[in-house]
């Protein structure tokens, strides 16, 4: 297999949307201190310098399965009540990291070297978390 130059990378993004609730636990959170719903849109962006055996960076069907499972976990749920948010303010910054933890744990033999999870909480606001993937 030909290896691209080190400054080149492939990228693949898969998205999913679901509605979940949360409330912020910081001092003076304003209206976000009350339970409120968001239509979260999650974008998983995989990146890596080379493709796998079949010419994929990552199998989209496998990513779809992971996203379906995670959307089912979080859909119509109060994030504050989930064990992964215990002791944390359920901000979209924390949510993007925790979501990535579950994606990284569900991948088997990943070809990509990086994963960025971007979570939109509305049409104008998003947060992301990027990590290395060790395949």
Protein backbone atom coordinates (compact mmCIF):
# COMPACT_ATOMS: atom_id res chain seq x y z
CA UNK A 1 0.00 0.00 0.00
CA UNK A 2 1.31 3.46 -0.88
CA UNK A 3 1.70 5.74 2.10
CA UNK A 4 0.72 9.41 1.56
CA UNK A 5 3.10 12.20 2.46
CA UNK A 6 3.15 12.89 6.21
CA UNK A 7 1.37 16.22 5.76
CA UNK A 8 -1.57 14.54 4.03
CA UNK A 9 -4.46 12.77 5.68
CA UNK A 10 -7.79 11.22 4.81
CA UNK A 11 -10.86 12.37 6.71
CA UNK A 12 -14.30 10.85 7.09
CA UNK A 13 -17.23 12.39 8.97
CA UNK A 14 -20.46 10.72 10.07
CA UNK A 15 -23.25 12.56 11.91
CA UNK A 16 -26.26 11.77 14.03
CA UNK A 17 -28.90 13.90 15.78
CA UNK A 18 -31.01 13.27 18.87
CA UNK A 19 -32.79 15.21 21.57
CA UNK A 20 -31.57 15.04 25.17
CA UNK A 21 -31.92 17.16 28.29
CA UNK A 22 -29.52 18.62 30.81
CA UNK A 23 -29.11 21.44 33.28
CA UNK A 24 -25.88 23.22 34.14
CA UNK A 25 -24.52 22.90 37.66
CA UNK A 26 -22.23 25.93 37.80
CA UNK A 27 -22.89 29.03 39.92
CA UNK A 28 -25.35 31.43 38.29
CA UNK A 29 -26.10 29.31 35.19
CA UNK A 30 -29.05 31.48 34.16
CA UNK A 31 -31.84 29.68 32.29
CA UNK A 32 -29.53 26.73 31.59
CA UNK A 33 -29.72 25.92 35.32
CA UNK A 34 -33.21 24.52 34.71
CA UNK A 35 -33.82 21.26 32.86
CA UNK A 36 -33.84 22.08 29.16
CA UNK A 37 -33.79 20.14 25.90
CA UNK A 38 -31.39 20.40 23.02
CA UNK A 39 -31.40 18.82 19.61
CA UNK A 40 -27.79 17.68 19.74
CA UNK A 41 -26.02 16.96 16.45
CA UNK A 42 -22.92 14.84 16.84
CA UNK A 43 -20.22 14.78 14.17
CA UNK A 44 -17.53 12.12 14.34
CA UNK A 45 -14.53 13.07 12.21
CA UNK A 46 -11.90 10.41 11.72
CA UNK A 47 -8.50 11.28 10.23
CA UNK A 48 -5.46 9.27 9.29
CA UNK A 49 -2.59 9.14 6.80
CA UNK A 50 -3.53 5.85 5.15
CA UNK A 51 -6.43 3.62 4.24
CA UNK A 52 -7.06 0.11 5.47
CA UNK A 53 -7.03 -3.13 3.55
CA UNK A 54 -10.27 -2.41 1.66
CA UNK A 55 -9.59 1.24 0.86
CA UNK A 56 -11.50 2.64 3.85
CA UNK A 57 -10.29 4.98 6.54
CA UNK A 58 -13.02 3.48 8.72
CA UNK A 59 -16.03 1.33 7.87
CA UNK A 60 -19.04 3.70 7.74
CA UNK A 61 -21.44 0.87 8.62
CA UNK A 62 -19.48 0.15 11.80
CA UNK A 63 -19.51 3.87 12.69
CA UNK A 64 -23.26 4.01 12.00
CA UNK A 65 -23.78 1.11 14.42
CA UNK A 66 -21.75 2.89 17.11
CA UNK A 67 -23.63 6.15 16.55
CA UNK A 68 -27.01 4.40 16.61
CA UNK A 69 -26.13 2.75 19.92
CA UNK A 70 -24.92 6.01 21.47
CA UNK A 71 -27.88 8.01 20.16
CA UNK A 72 -30.14 5.40 21.78
CA UNK A 73 -28.21 5.77 25.05
CA UNK A 74 -28.56 9.56 25.19
CA UNK A 75 -31.88 10.15 23.40
CA UNK A 76 -34.61 11.58 25.68
CA UNK A 77 -32.29 11.24 28.67
CA UNK A 78 -31.35 13.75 31.34
CA UNK A 79 -27.56 13.78 30.94
CA UNK A 80 -27.10 14.81 34.58
CA UNK A 81 -28.48 11.42 35.68
CA UNK A 82 -25.98 9.32 33.72
CA UNK A 83 -22.98 7.83 35.57
CA UNK A 84 -20.43 9.31 33.16
CA UNK A 85 -21.56 12.82 34.14
CA UNK A 86 -21.35 12.19 37.89
CA UNK A 87 -19.53 15.13 39.48
CA UNK A 88 -19.32 16.99 36.16
CA UNK A 89 -21.14 20.01 34.84
CA UNK A 90 -22.87 18.50 31.75
CA UNK A 91 -21.47 21.03 29.31
CA UNK A 92 -21.13 20.22 25.62
CA UNK A 93 -17.35 20.30 26.15
CA UNK A 94 -17.57 17.43 28.64
CA UNK A 95 -20.19 15.71 26.49
CA UNK A 96 -17.90 15.75 23.44
CA UNK A 97 -15.06 14.11 25.41
CA UNK A 98 -17.30 11.51 27.04
CA UNK A 99 -18.94 10.68 23.71
CA UNK A 100 -15.47 10.21 22.21
CA UNK A 101 -14.50 7.89 25.06
CA UNK A 102 -17.36 5.58 24.10
CA UNK A 103 -16.64 5.79 20.35
CA UNK A 104 -12.93 5.03 20.87
CA UNK A 105 -13.83 2.11 23.13
CA UNK A 106 -16.23 0.66 20.55
CA UNK A 107 -13.84 0.78 17.56
CA UNK A 108 -12.10 -2.45 16.69
CA UNK A 109 -8.68 -2.13 15.05
CA UNK A 110 -9.09 1.47 13.89
CA UNK A 111 -7.14 2.65 10.86
CA UNK A 112 -7.63 6.35 11.64
CA UNK A 113 -5.10 7.94 13.95
CA UNK A 114 -7.34 10.77 15.21
CA UNK A 115 -10.95 11.24 16.21
CA UNK A 116 -12.67 14.58 16.65
CA UNK A 117 -16.12 14.64 18.22
CA UNK A 118 -18.04 17.85 17.57
CA UNK A 119 -21.37 18.30 19.31
CA UNK A 120 -23.74 21.07 18.26
CA UNK A 121 -26.31 22.04 20.90
CA UNK A 122 -28.12 24.43 18.56
CA UNK A 123 -27.64 26.06 15.16
CA UNK A 124 -24.81 28.32 16.34
CA UNK A 125 -23.01 26.64 19.27
CA UNK A 126 -20.74 23.62 19.31
CA UNK A 127 -17.81 22.17 21.21
CA UNK A 128 -15.32 19.52 20.17
CA UNK A 129 -12.73 17.16 21.58
CA UNK A 130 -9.88 15.58 19.60
CA UNK A 131 -7.89 12.52 20.59
CA UNK A 132 -5.34 10.16 19.12
CA UNK A 133 -6.53 6.66 18.34
CA UNK A 134 -4.16 3.79 18.90
CA UNK A 135 -5.09 0.92 16.61
